[in-house]
Amino acid sequence: MPASPSTARAINDRLALRLLQEEGSLTAGQLKQLTGLSRPTVADLVERLTEAGLISVVGESGEQRRGPNARLYGIVADRAYLAALDVRTEGVTVVVADLLGRELARASVPIADDAGTGPAVEQAVGLVERAAKEAGADRLHTVAIGAPGLIDPATGELRDSTGLPEWHRRLAAALGERLQARVLVENETNLAALAEQRDGAARDRDTFVLLWLGLGTGAAVVLDGTLRRGASGGTGEIGFLPVPGTTTLPSATDCEGGFHSLGAAAAVDSLAGEYALTAAAPTGNEPHAATLVRAAAQAVTSRPPAGGPGAPTDGSAAAPADVNAPRTRPAAGGTVADAPQARPASVGAEAPSDGTDIPVHPPVHPLGDAHATPDTRPSVDAHARFLDALADRLAIGAASVVAVLDPGCVVLGGEVGQAGGEVLAARVEARLAALSPLPTEVRPSALGGAAVLRGALLMARDTAQDELFAPPPR
């Protein structure tokens, strides 16, 4: 059944606006070529969108640089202004952008633990107001907030979560009341996954899991291009996953004893201390754990392990010769089979000459003992052993997700995941290959901690454009 004239016009308008968003300014002739529409149809939609205030002439193109055919049309970027917030327990960062998502202002404010709910909310709202003023935005159309915790799928509000400050829950309502803007709230890890899928490590993946590694831990699940939140909004609360290697079990109100106790920043700091590793003080809001992991990854790529290639890196196991080197990634759309893979090797044995793969770790326990006393012999590379131990821990959480979802790709996100780079990702991938029959590629984050703010801005932009680009009511 053919579309009605009004539906056809709406479809054509959205197509043209999407092209102007992706390609930048275009002439009517270029729009005709890219859309496949007739010249009269393009002329009609250009007139319609111009009258609606959505596009305008932004310049001219062509040798003559004159005449209607040379006019360049672009989206009116100042039709609406957007704000994106990354809300952490220790402070807030805000970015103000135009309708195209171009950043106009950025600001941050620390918020003390003892600030109190009212003063903390006022600090955050005041920060957004000042950033908007700096950007020249007299009014914000849409504000998107990325925060830790569970988002109620029925209300879209942040649920009351033990361990998170009360001002987090009060902030959205305060912003909506003060700014008279639409305010959206989303879990920070979900927003990071959105950003990695659009602009980061998962651009070529419709199905993947992002494992967040920062001050805390979390996971975001994207299946067939859609972010999955679960019945109560709790999909990906991997910090509560009971795992071996901890001294207790998590509870409904405390993730201590779960995967959080193996992969969160404090646990990574403690693990680095077992290997007597130190690093310079972190810059900005980066956790010290990320600085330690980055230093270790740089150390193992800048020099071979003690004893030469293949020498033990965990005090007992012969390491694959290439896990310390950056891997070559397949091109977008390629598969993990297209990229060189690290071959596991067994403890105290050389790889068999027939090419048969053998386990990465001792058969006693494929993941080792998270609390084993590290070997301190001077011939052992402490940085590589630290990364091996960290990969053991991360593989526990990743293997559980892989066994249930079979995502085919796990992105190590957050500041720590990005800091480990290909060196850490290769180690986790090798351990997953030993633990699971399901082929899984492990990639480092391309955006790190910045993914939350980027994801919030993408959500704000998409929401504003959906409203503003919609056809007028009949």
Protein backbone atom coordinates (compact mmCIF):
# COMPACT_ATOMS: atom_id res chain seq x y z
CA MET A 1 0.00 0.00 0.00
CA PRO A 2 1.60 3.30 -1.06
CA ALA A 3 2.27 5.96 1.54
CA SER A 4 -0.07 8.90 1.78
CA PRO A 5 1.26 12.26 0.50
CA SER A 6 1.76 13.56 4.06
CA THR A 7 3.61 10.40 5.12
CA ALA A 8 5.81 10.55 2.02
CA ARG A 9 6.66 14.19 2.75
CA ALA A 10 7.58 13.33 6.35
CA ILE A 11 9.81 10.48 5.20
CA ASN A 12 11.55 12.66 2.63
CA ASP A 13 12.06 15.46 5.16
CA ARG A 14 13.65 13.11 7.70
CA LEU A 15 15.88 11.63 5.02
CA ALA A 16 17.12 15.06 3.98
CA LEU A 17 17.70 16.14 7.58
CA ARG A 18 19.62 12.92 8.33
CA LEU A 19 21.87 13.54 5.33
CA LEU A 20 22.49 17.14 6.40
CA GLN A 21 23.34 15.84 9.89
CA GLU A 22 25.80 13.24 8.57
CA GLU A 23 27.27 14.97 5.53
CA GLY A 24 27.17 18.62 6.57
CA SER A 25 25.90 21.40 4.29
CA LEU A 26 24.63 20.32 0.85
CA THR A 27 23.19 21.93 -2.26
CA ALA A 28 19.75 21.03 -3.59
CA GLY A 29 21.50 19.17 -6.40
CA GLN A 30 23.51 17.11 -3.94
CA LEU A 31 20.37 16.32 -1.96
CA LYS A 32 18.73 15.15 -5.20
CA GLN A 33 21.68 12.92 -5.97
CA LEU A 34 21.92 11.43 -2.44
CA THR A 35 18.19 10.89 -1.93
CA GLY A 36 17.25 9.80 -5.42
CA LEU A 37 14.26 12.14 -5.33
CA SER A 38 13.12 14.25 -8.25
CA ARG A 39 14.18 17.87 -8.58
CA PRO A 40 10.66 19.24 -7.83
CA THR A 41 10.35 17.00 -4.76
CA VAL A 42 13.71 18.23 -3.43
CA ALA A 43 12.72 21.84 -4.11
CA ASP A 44 9.49 21.31 -2.16
CA LEU A 45 11.21 19.77 0.86
CA VAL A 46 13.89 22.47 0.93
CA GLU A 47 11.18 25.14 0.95
CA ARG A 48 9.20 23.26 3.60
CA LEU A 49 12.19 22.76 5.93
CA THR A 50 13.31 26.38 5.46
CA GLU A 51 9.89 27.72 6.38
CA ALA A 52 9.88 25.46 9.45
CA GLY A 53 13.14 27.05 10.58
CA LEU A 54 15.01 23.72 10.47
CA ILE A 55 17.43 24.54 7.63
CA SER A 56 18.84 27.72 6.12
CA VAL A 57 21.29 28.86 3.47
CA VAL A 58 24.77 28.67 5.01
CA GLY A 59 26.91 29.50 1.98
CA GLU A 60 27.46 28.86 -1.70
CA SER A 61 29.22 26.19 -3.72
CA GLY A 62 30.53 25.96 -7.26
CA GLU A 63 32.86 27.93 -9.46
CA GLN A 64 30.36 30.72 -10.10
CA ARG A 65 29.32 30.89 -6.42
CA ARG A 66 26.01 32.45 -7.36
CA GLY A 67 22.51 31.43 -8.28
CA PRO A 68 19.99 29.12 -6.58
CA ASN A 69 21.80 25.95 -7.61
CA ALA A 70 24.91 27.01 -5.71
CA ARG A 71 23.19 27.59 -2.37
CA LEU A 72 24.40 25.38 0.45
CA TYR A 73 21.79 24.36 2.99
CA GLY A 74 22.51 23.30 6.56
CA ILE A 75 20.58 22.49 9.71
CA VAL A 76 19.91 25.52 11.90
CA ALA A 77 22.17 24.45 14.74
CA ASP A 78 20.99 27.10 17.19
CA ARG A 79 17.36 26.04 16.83
CA ALA A 80 17.86 24.19 20.12
CA TYR A 81 20.56 23.82 22.75
CA LEU A 82 21.36 20.65 24.64
CA ALA A 83 23.14 19.72 27.86
CA ALA A 84 24.75 16.44 28.85
CA LEU A 85 25.77 15.61 32.43
CA ASP A 86 28.11 12.94 33.78
CA VAL A 87 27.11 12.60 37.43
CA ARG A 88 29.54 10.81 39.73
CA THR A 89 29.53 10.42 43.51
CA GLU A 90 32.34 12.96 43.75
CA GLY A 91 31.11 15.61 41.32
CA VAL A 92 29.46 16.60 38.03
CA THR A 93 30.69 17.43 34.54
CA VAL A 94 28.44 19.17 32.01
CA VAL A 95 28.71 19.86 28.29
CA VAL A 96 26.41 22.28 26.44
CA ALA A 97 26.01 21.78 22.69
CA ASP A 98 23.92 22.91 19.75
CA LEU A 99 21.35 20.83 17.86
CA LEU A 100 24.11 19.20 15.80
CA GLY A 101 25.86 18.07 18.97
CA ARG A 102 28.78 20.48 18.61
CA GLU A 103 30.25 21.31 22.00
CA LEU A 104 29.96 24.97 23.00
CA ALA A 105 30.91 24.91 26.69
CA ARG A 106 32.18 22.45 29.29
CA ALA A 107 32.48 22.74 33.07
CA SER A 108 32.96 20.58 36.16
CA VAL A 109 32.40 20.96 39.89
CA PRO A 110 33.50 18.69 42.74
CA ILE A 111 30.83 17.87 45.33
CA ALA A 112 31.97 16.84 48.79
CA ASP A 113 30.54 13.79 50.53
CA ASP A 114 29.25 15.95 53.37
CA ALA A 115 27.77 18.69 51.16
CA GLY A 116 24.17 17.77 51.98
CA THR A 117 21.41 17.06 49.48
CA GLY A 118 20.13 20.61 48.99
CA PRO A 119 23.52 22.31 48.58
CA ALA A 120 24.75 19.51 46.29
CA VAL A 121 21.73 19.88 44.01
CA GLU A 122 22.18 23.65 43.94
CA GLN A 123 25.85 23.25 42.99
CA ALA A 124 24.98 20.97 40.10
CA VAL A 125 22.09 23.09 38.80
CA GLY A 126 24.16 26.25 39.09
CA LEU A 127 26.93 24.58 37.10
CA VAL A 128 24.54 23.82 34.24
CA GLU A 129 23.16 27.36 34.27
CA ARG A 130 26.65 28.88 34.09
CA ALA A 131 27.69 26.56 31.26
CA ALA A 132 24.55 27.41 29.30
CA LYS A 133 25.24 31.11 29.73
CA GLU A 134 28.84 30.65 28.57
CA ALA A 135 27.56 28.81 25.48
CA GLY A 136 25.16 31.63 24.66
CA ALA A 137 22.14 29.39 25.17
CA ASP A 138 19.20 31.39 26.47
CA ARG A 139 17.23 28.17 26.96
CA LEU A 140 18.07 24.45 27.01
CA HIS A 141 15.74 22.21 25.04
CA THR A 142 16.88 18.79 26.34
CA VAL A 143 19.14 17.74 29.22
CA ALA A 144 20.46 14.17 29.47
CA ILE A 145 21.99 12.83 32.67
CA GLY A 146 24.26 9.81 32.99
CA ALA A 147 24.43 8.48 36.56
CA PRO A 148 25.26 5.27 38.40
CA GLY A 149 22.36 3.20 39.67
CA LEU A 150 19.15 1.65 38.38
CA ILE A 151 16.71 3.51 36.15
CA ASP A 152 13.07 2.54 36.63
CA PRO A 153 11.86 1.51 33.15
CA ALA A 154 8.31 2.59 33.96
CA THR A 155 9.08 6.12 35.14
CA GLY A 156 12.52 6.78 33.66
CA GLU A 157 13.68 7.97 37.08
CA LEU A 158 16.71 6.97 39.10
CA ARG A 159 15.69 4.43 41.72
CA ASP A 160 16.66 4.73 45.36
CA SER A 161 19.96 2.83 45.60
CA THR A 162 21.93 2.12 48.73
CA GLY A 163 25.38 3.67 48.63
CA LEU A 164 24.52 6.49 46.22
CA PRO A 165 23.96 10.06 47.45
CA GLU A 166 20.39 11.32 47.66
CA TRP A 167 21.20 14.38 45.55
CA HIS A 168 21.56 12.12 42.51
CA ARG A 169 17.85 11.30 42.67
CA ARG A 170 16.79 14.91 43.29
CA LEU A 171 18.86 16.43 40.49
CA ALA A 172 16.63 15.59 37.51
CA ALA A 173 13.53 17.16 39.04
CA ALA A 174 15.47 20.26 40.09
CA LEU A 175 16.90 20.74 36.60
CA GLY A 176 13.49 20.33 34.98
CA GLU A 177 11.91 22.85 37.32
CA ARG A 178 14.68 25.45 37.12
CA LEU A 179 15.48 25.18 33.41
CA GLN A 180 12.03 24.32 32.03
CA ALA A 181 13.70 21.71 29.83
CA ARG A 182 13.07 18.08 29.06
CA VAL A 183 15.30 16.03 31.38
CA LEU A 184 16.31 12.43 30.64
CA VAL A 185 18.17 10.07 32.98
CA GLU A 186 20.07 6.95 31.94
CA ASN A 187 22.49 4.55 33.61
CA GLU A 188 26.07 5.64 32.96
CA THR A 189 27.21 2.26 31.61
CA ASN A 190 24.31 2.14 29.15
CA LEU A 191 25.28 5.57 27.85
CA ALA A 192 28.90 4.45 27.51
CA ALA A 193 27.73 1.53 25.37
CA LEU A 194 25.69 3.90 23.17
CA ALA A 195 28.78 6.06 22.63
CA GLU A 196 31.06 3.10 21.90
CA GLN A 197 28.53 1.78 19.36
CA ARG A 198 28.18 5.14 17.59
CA ASP A 199 31.69 6.56 17.85
CA GLY A 200 33.96 4.05 19.55
CA ALA A 201 35.14 0.47 19.72
CA ALA A 202 31.83 -1.19 18.73
CA ARG A 203 30.98 0.78 15.60
CA ASP A 204 30.80 -2.42 13.54
CA ARG A 205 28.85 -4.47 16.10
CA ASP A 206 25.08 -4.84 16.47
CA THR A 207 25.53 -7.24 19.39
CA PHE A 208 28.11 -6.74 22.13
CA VAL A 209 28.59 -6.31 25.87
CA LEU A 210 30.42 -3.39 27.42
CA LEU A 211 32.18 -4.28 30.67
CA TRP A 212 32.60 -1.03 32.62
CA LEU A 213 35.83 -0.80 34.61
CA GLY A 214 36.15 2.42 36.56
CA LEU A 215 35.60 3.38 40.18
CA GLY A 216 32.92 0.68 40.08
CA THR A 217 31.98 -2.10 37.69
CA GLY A 218 28.97 -2.62 35.47
CA ALA A 219 27.89 -4.01 32.13
CA ALA A 220 25.70 -2.86 29.27
CA VAL A 221 24.05 -5.31 26.90
CA VAL A 222 23.32 -4.46 23.27
CA LEU A 223 21.54 -7.20 21.31
CA ASP A 224 20.64 -6.80 17.63
CA GLY A 225 21.32 -3.08 17.86
CA THR A 226 19.05 -2.50 20.85
CA LEU A 227 20.12 -1.64 24.39
CA ARG A 228 18.54 -4.13 26.80
CA ARG A 229 17.56 -2.81 30.24
CA GLY A 230 15.68 -5.74 31.78
CA ALA A 231 12.37 -5.96 33.64
CA SER A 232 13.49 -3.67 36.47
CA GLY A 233 16.20 -1.71 34.67
CA GLY A 234 18.96 -3.78 36.24
CA THR A 235 20.50 -5.56 33.26
CA GLY A 236 24.26 -5.49 33.64
CA GLU A 237 24.57 -5.06 37.43
CA ILE A 238 27.58 -7.34 37.25
CA GLY A 239 29.13 -5.91 40.40
CA PHE A 240 26.69 -8.12 42.36
CA LEU A 241 27.73 -11.28 40.49
CA PRO A 242 29.01 -13.90 42.99
CA VAL A 243 32.49 -14.96 41.89
CA PRO A 244 35.34 -17.14 43.18
CA GLY A 245 38.35 -15.39 44.67
CA THR A 246 36.51 -13.14 47.15
CA THR A 247 36.14 -13.62 50.89
CA THR A 248 32.36 -13.12 51.12
CA LEU A 249 29.18 -13.01 49.06
CA PRO A 250 27.40 -9.89 47.83
CA SER A 251 24.02 -8.96 49.25
CA ALA A 252 20.97 -7.13 47.92
CA THR A 253 22.32 -3.89 49.39
CA ASP A 254 26.09 -4.32 49.00
CA CYS A 255 28.12 -5.58 46.04
CA GLU A 256 31.18 -6.22 48.22
CA GLY A 257 32.16 -9.84 47.65
CA GLY A 258 30.83 -9.83 44.08
CA PHE A 259 32.68 -9.07 40.85
CA HIS A 260 33.00 -5.51 42.17
CA SER A 261 35.60 -6.83 44.63
CA LEU A 262 37.74 -8.11 41.75
CA GLY A 263 37.41 -5.44 39.08
CA ALA A 264 36.59 -2.08 40.68
CA ALA A 265 39.29 0.58 41.00
CA ALA A 266 40.05 -0.10 44.67
CA ALA A 267 40.53 -3.81 43.95
CA VAL A 268 42.85 -3.04 41.03
CA ASP A 269 44.85 -0.65 43.23
CA SER A 270 45.23 -3.38 45.83
CA LEU A 271 46.29 -5.92 43.23
CA ALA A 272 48.95 -3.58 41.89
CA GLY A 273 50.25 -3.19 45.43
CA GLU A 274 50.80 -6.95 45.64
CA TYR A 275 53.27 -6.57 42.79
CA ALA A 276 54.85 -3.44 44.32
CA LEU A 277 53.77 -1.32 41.34
CA THR A 278 53.49 2.44 41.57
CA ALA A 279 52.51 5.19 39.15
CA ALA A 280 52.37 8.96 39.04
CA ALA A 281 49.31 10.66 40.47
CA PRO A 282 46.40 10.58 38.00
CA THR A 283 45.32 13.67 36.12
CA GLY A 284 41.75 14.96 36.14
CA ASN A 285 39.10 12.56 37.39
CA GLU A 286 40.85 9.39 36.25
CA PRO A 287 41.04 6.68 38.95
CA HIS A 288 44.53 5.84 40.14
CA ALA A 289 43.86 2.26 39.02
CA ALA A 290 43.74 3.43 35.39
CA THR A 291 47.10 5.14 35.76
CA LEU A 292 48.59 1.93 37.18
CA VAL A 293 47.16 -0.22 34.39
CA ARG A 294 48.32 2.18 31.69
CA ALA A 295 51.84 2.23 33.13
CA ALA A 296 51.92 -1.58 33.19
CA ALA A 297 50.66 -1.86 29.62
CA GLN A 298 53.25 0.65 28.43
CA ALA A 299 55.99 -1.20 30.28
CA VAL A 300 55.27 -4.57 28.67
CA THR A 301 55.04 -3.10 25.17
CA SER A 302 58.25 -1.08 25.50
CA ARG A 303 60.47 -4.01 26.47
CA PRO A 304 60.27 -7.81 26.34
CA PRO A 305 59.56 -9.74 29.55
CA ALA A 306 62.54 -10.72 31.69
CA GLY A 307 64.14 -13.83 30.22
CA GLY A 308 63.11 -13.05 26.64
CA PRO A 309 60.04 -13.93 24.59
CA GLY A 310 57.91 -16.65 26.11
CA ALA A 311 59.45 -16.27 29.55
CA PRO A 312 57.12 -16.76 32.54
CA THR A 313 55.00 -13.73 33.40
CA ASP A 314 53.05 -15.11 36.36
CA GLY A 315 55.84 -16.91 38.15
CA SER A 316 54.97 -20.25 36.61
CA ALA A 317 53.25 -20.10 33.25
CA ALA A 318 54.92 -19.57 29.90
CA ALA A 319 53.17 -16.63 28.27
CA PRO A 320 52.22 -16.39 24.60
CA ALA A 321 54.97 -14.54 22.79
CA ASP A 322 52.62 -11.91 21.41
CA VAL A 323 50.21 -11.02 24.24
CA ASN A 324 52.37 -8.03 25.15
CA ALA A 325 52.17 -6.56 21.65
CA PRO A 326 49.31 -4.52 20.21
CA ARG A 327 47.04 -6.67 18.06
CA THR A 328 45.97 -5.89 14.53
CA ARG A 329 42.24 -5.42 14.52
CA PRO A 330 40.06 -6.53 11.59
CA ALA A 331 38.47 -3.81 9.51
CA ALA A 332 34.91 -2.80 10.33
CA GLY A 333 32.67 -5.71 9.52
CA GLY A 334 35.51 -8.23 9.80
CA THR A 335 35.65 -11.06 12.29
CA VAL A 336 37.98 -11.96 15.07
CA ALA A 337 39.31 -14.74 12.89
CA ASP A 338 40.76 -12.07 10.59
CA ALA A 339 43.04 -10.76 13.35
CA PRO A 340 46.18 -12.43 14.76
CA GLN A 341 45.39 -14.25 17.98
CA ALA A 342 47.59 -15.00 20.96
CA ARG A 343 48.11 -18.76 21.31
CA PRO A 344 47.82 -20.08 24.85
CA ALA A 345 50.66 -22.13 26.28
CA SER A 346 50.68 -24.52 29.24
CA VAL A 347 52.48 -24.31 32.52
CA GLY A 348 56.02 -25.59 32.51
CA ALA A 349 55.72 -27.05 29.02
CA GLU A 350 56.51 -26.00 25.50
CA ALA A 351 53.76 -25.88 22.90
CA PRO A 352 53.44 -29.17 21.04
CA SER A 353 54.91 -29.20 17.56
CA ASP A 354 51.63 -30.30 15.96
CA GLY A 355 50.08 -26.89 16.76
CA THR A 356 47.55 -28.22 19.25
CA ASP A 357 46.31 -25.54 21.63
CA ILE A 358 46.77 -26.26 25.32
CA PRO A 359 45.38 -24.45 28.39
CA VAL A 360 46.60 -21.01 29.37
CA HIS A 361 46.74 -21.77 33.10
CA PRO A 362 47.50 -24.75 35.34
CA PRO A 363 44.78 -27.41 35.21
CA VAL A 364 44.21 -26.92 38.96
CA HIS A 365 42.12 -23.81 38.28
CA PRO A 366 41.98 -22.04 34.90
CA LEU A 367 41.72 -18.65 36.56
CA GLY A 368 44.33 -19.08 39.26
CA ASP A 369 44.02 -17.77 42.80
CA ALA A 370 43.11 -14.09 43.04
CA HIS A 371 44.84 -13.88 46.43
CA ALA A 372 47.95 -15.92 45.71
CA THR A 373 51.23 -14.38 46.92
CA PRO A 374 53.03 -13.09 43.84
CA ASP A 375 56.44 -14.47 42.90
CA THR A 376 59.02 -11.80 43.67
CA ARG A 377 61.98 -13.27 41.84
CA PRO A 378 63.84 -10.43 40.11
CA SER A 379 63.76 -12.23 36.75
CA VAL A 380 59.97 -12.00 36.57
CA ASP A 381 58.37 -8.96 34.95
CA ALA A 382 56.07 -7.53 37.63
CA HIS A 383 54.09 -5.40 35.18
CA ALA A 384 53.21 -8.38 32.99
CA ARG A 385 52.36 -10.53 36.00
CA PHE A 386 50.05 -7.81 37.28
CA LEU A 387 48.24 -7.64 33.94
CA ASP A 388 48.01 -11.45 33.87
CA ALA A 389 46.42 -11.46 37.33
CA LEU A 390 44.03 -8.65 36.38
CA ALA A 391 43.04 -10.50 33.20
CA ASP A 392 42.33 -13.60 35.32
CA ARG A 393 39.90 -11.55 37.38
CA LEU A 394 38.18 -9.84 34.47
CA ALA A 395 37.76 -13.12 32.62
CA ILE A 396 35.65 -14.44 35.51
CA GLY A 397 33.00 -11.75 34.99
CA ALA A 398 33.27 -11.77 31.21
CA ALA A 399 32.92 -15.57 31.04
CA SER A 400 29.65 -15.43 32.95
CA VAL A 401 28.21 -12.87 30.54
CA VAL A 402 29.47 -14.77 27.50
CA ALA A 403 27.97 -18.06 28.69
CA VAL A 404 24.49 -16.50 28.99
CA LEU A 405 24.39 -14.02 26.10
CA ASP A 406 26.97 -15.18 23.52
CA PRO A 407 27.59 -11.56 22.42
CA GLY A 408 30.60 -12.34 20.24
CA CYS A 409 32.32 -9.16 21.44
CA VAL A 410 33.18 -7.73 24.85
CA VAL A 411 34.41 -4.13 25.12
CA LEU A 412 36.54 -3.35 28.17
CA GLY A 413 35.12 0.08 28.94
CA GLY A 414 35.71 2.82 31.45
CA GLU A 415 38.99 4.41 32.36
CA VAL A 416 40.67 1.13 33.34
CA GLY A 417 39.51 -0.73 30.23
CA GLN A 418 40.86 1.99 27.96
CA ALA A 419 44.10 2.23 29.92
CA GLY A 420 44.83 -1.49 29.46
CA GLY A 421 44.52 -1.17 25.71
CA GLU A 422 45.18 -4.11 23.41
CA VAL A 423 47.65 -5.58 25.91
CA LEU A 424 44.99 -6.24 28.56
CA ALA A 425 42.29 -7.08 26.00
CA ALA A 426 44.48 -9.78 24.45
CA ARG A 427 45.04 -11.39 27.84
CA VAL A 428 41.32 -11.42 28.67
CA GLU A 429 40.48 -12.81 25.23
CA ALA A 430 42.98 -15.66 25.61
CA ARG A 431 41.52 -16.61 28.98
CA LEU A 432 37.97 -16.52 27.61
CA ALA A 433 39.06 -18.86 24.82
CA ALA A 434 40.24 -21.33 27.47
CA LEU A 435 37.05 -21.02 29.52
CA SER A 436 34.29 -20.89 26.90
CA PRO A 437 33.52 -22.69 23.65
CA LEU A 438 31.84 -19.49 22.37
CA PRO A 439 34.18 -17.37 20.22
CA THR A 440 34.43 -13.91 21.75
CA GLU A 441 36.50 -10.94 20.66
CA VAL A 442 37.68 -8.60 23.43
CA ARG A 443 38.35 -4.98 22.54
CA PRO A 444 39.58 -2.03 24.60
CA SER A 445 37.38 1.02 24.89
CA ALA A 446 38.08 3.81 22.42
CA LEU A 447 36.44 6.46 24.62
CA GLY A 448 37.17 5.42 28.21
CA GLY A 449 35.53 7.50 30.91
CA ALA A 450 34.51 10.15 28.36
CA ALA A 451 32.00 7.69 26.90
CA VAL A 452 29.37 8.56 29.52
CA LEU A 453 29.28 12.24 28.61
CA ARG A 454 29.39 11.43 24.90
CA GLY A 455 26.52 8.97 25.26
CA ALA A 456 24.44 11.50 27.21
CA LEU A 457 24.98 14.10 24.50
CA LEU A 458 23.97 11.61 21.80
CA MET A 459 20.79 10.78 23.73
CA ALA A 460 19.94 14.48 24.16
CA ARG A 461 20.60 15.19 20.48
CA ASP A 462 18.53 12.24 19.25
CA THR A 463 15.61 13.16 21.51
CA ALA A 464 15.62 16.82 20.50
CA GLN A 465 15.89 16.05 16.80
CA ASP A 466 13.10 13.46 17.00
CA GLU A 467 10.81 16.15 18.39
CA LEU A 468 11.91 19.07 16.23
CA PHE A 469 12.18 17.10 12.99
CA ALA A 470 8.79 15.43 13.40
CA PRO A 471 6.08 16.52 10.92
CA PRO A 472 3.65 19.13 12.26
CA PRO A 473 0.42 17.72 13.70
CA ARG A 474 -2.41 17.54 11.22
